[in-house]
Amino acid sequence: MLEGTFWLQQPKAPKFIRCDVRYNVLEDWTPPEDVPARELLRDWFNFWAVEFDIKTEMMSIRHGGRLLQSSLDPAPDYKGLLWNIDPFIRTKVLHCFIVPPF
């Protein structure tokens, strides 16, 4: 088995998919200085409550940050608040089970 990879088995199929998690290994990276948890939590709530526009934006780990929802719309009829696209199986959309309360 290759270092930095793992295998997924597709449901109801004997096929396995190799997932490579070695992308962009930052060997010379050093973490920033410690930030107090209180400050981190305040900034986190500020981002989601003030800076992020939930009506027009979405967050994409695969694309590295914020996107306009219209630029990557996996299901135009979906009216939920969360879009969950599997980061390893790029054609698999997981948000179909996440719906807002009625």
Protein backbone atom coordinates (compact mmCIF):
# COMPACT_ATOMS: atom_id res chain seq x y z
CA MET A 1 0.00 0.00 0.00
CA LEU A 2 1.26 3.49 -0.83
CA GLU A 3 2.03 5.89 2.00
CA GLY A 4 -0.58 8.70 2.18
CA THR A 5 -3.34 6.82 0.38
CA PHE A 6 -6.37 4.83 1.38
CA TRP A 7 -9.02 2.85 -0.50
CA LEU A 8 -12.79 3.31 -0.61
CA GLN A 9 -15.16 0.59 -1.71
CA GLN A 10 -18.19 1.67 -3.70
CA PRO A 11 -21.49 0.47 -2.22
CA LYS A 12 -22.88 -2.67 -3.90
CA ALA A 13 -19.86 -2.96 -6.18
CA PRO A 14 -16.58 -4.84 -5.94
CA LYS A 15 -14.72 -1.78 -7.26
CA PHE A 16 -12.26 0.12 -5.02
CA ILE A 17 -11.28 3.77 -5.43
CA ARG A 18 -7.79 4.94 -4.46
CA CYS A 19 -7.80 8.25 -2.54
CA ASP A 20 -4.50 10.12 -2.46
CA VAL A 21 -4.23 12.45 0.54
CA ARG A 22 -0.61 13.48 -0.06
CA TYR A 23 -1.59 16.64 -1.95
CA ASN A 24 0.37 19.76 -1.11
CA VAL A 25 2.46 18.49 1.79
CA LEU A 26 4.05 21.58 3.32
CA GLU A 27 7.35 20.32 4.66
CA ASP A 28 8.83 23.73 5.59
CA TRP A 29 5.59 25.01 7.14
CA THR A 30 5.56 26.15 10.75
CA PRO A 31 2.31 26.89 12.58
CA PRO A 32 1.56 30.51 13.47
CA GLU A 33 1.93 31.71 17.02
CA ASP A 34 -0.66 30.57 19.55
CA VAL A 35 -3.87 32.58 19.52
CA PRO A 36 -6.15 32.54 22.57
CA ALA A 37 -9.21 30.31 22.15
CA ARG A 38 -11.48 33.22 23.08
CA GLU A 39 -10.16 35.28 20.14
CA LEU A 40 -10.46 32.36 17.72
CA LEU A 41 -14.06 31.69 18.74
CA ARG A 42 -14.96 35.39 18.45
CA ASP A 43 -13.43 35.57 14.95
CA TRP A 44 -15.19 32.34 13.89
CA PHE A 45 -18.62 33.66 14.93
CA ASN A 46 -17.87 37.04 13.33
CA PHE A 47 -17.01 35.38 10.02
CA TRP A 48 -20.18 33.27 9.85
CA ALA A 49 -22.51 35.99 11.22
CA VAL A 50 -21.12 39.12 9.52
CA GLU A 51 -18.67 38.43 6.70
CA PHE A 52 -20.12 35.33 5.04
CA ASP A 53 -23.26 35.86 2.92
CA ILE A 54 -25.17 32.59 3.17
CA LYS A 55 -27.63 33.64 0.44
CA THR A 56 -25.01 34.03 -2.29
CA GLU A 57 -21.85 32.23 -1.13
CA MET A 58 -20.76 28.71 -0.37
CA MET A 59 -17.61 27.30 1.22
CA SER A 60 -15.55 24.80 -0.78
CA ILE A 61 -12.62 22.95 0.74
CA ARG A 62 -11.76 21.52 -2.67
CA HIS A 63 -11.61 24.97 -4.28
CA GLY A 64 -9.84 26.53 -1.32
CA GLY A 65 -12.43 28.89 0.12
CA ARG A 66 -15.50 30.91 -0.73
CA LEU A 67 -17.40 30.61 -4.02
CA LEU A 68 -20.55 32.12 -5.39
CA GLN A 69 -23.27 29.49 -5.25
CA SER A 70 -24.09 29.93 -8.92
CA SER A 71 -20.52 29.02 -9.93
CA LEU A 72 -20.82 25.47 -8.60
CA ASP A 73 -24.49 24.56 -8.40
CA PRO A 74 -24.80 20.76 -8.07
CA ALA A 75 -28.60 20.82 -7.86
CA PRO A 76 -30.50 23.94 -8.92
CA ASP A 77 -33.72 22.75 -7.23
CA TYR A 78 -32.00 22.28 -3.83
CA LYS A 79 -33.20 24.85 -1.27
CA GLY A 80 -31.22 23.77 1.78
CA LEU A 81 -28.60 25.72 3.69
CA LEU A 82 -25.73 23.24 3.39
CA TRP A 83 -24.11 21.87 0.26
CA ASN A 84 -21.97 18.86 1.01
CA ILE A 85 -19.89 17.56 -1.89
CA ASP A 86 -17.63 14.62 -1.10
CA PRO A 87 -14.01 15.87 -1.34
CA PHE A 88 -12.63 12.50 -2.47
CA ILE A 89 -15.39 11.28 -4.81
CA ARG A 90 -15.98 14.48 -6.74
CA THR A 91 -19.14 13.34 -8.49
CA LYS A 92 -20.87 12.39 -5.22
CA VAL A 93 -23.15 15.02 -3.70
CA LEU A 94 -24.04 14.37 -0.07
CA HIS A 95 -26.43 17.24 0.69
CA CYS A 96 -29.58 15.44 -0.45
CA PHE A 97 -30.30 14.37 3.14
CA ILE A 98 -29.74 17.81 4.72
CA VAL A 99 -32.92 19.88 4.55
CA PRO A 100 -34.14 22.91 6.49
CA PRO A 101 -36.89 22.34 9.09
CA PHE A 102 -40.44 22.99 7.92
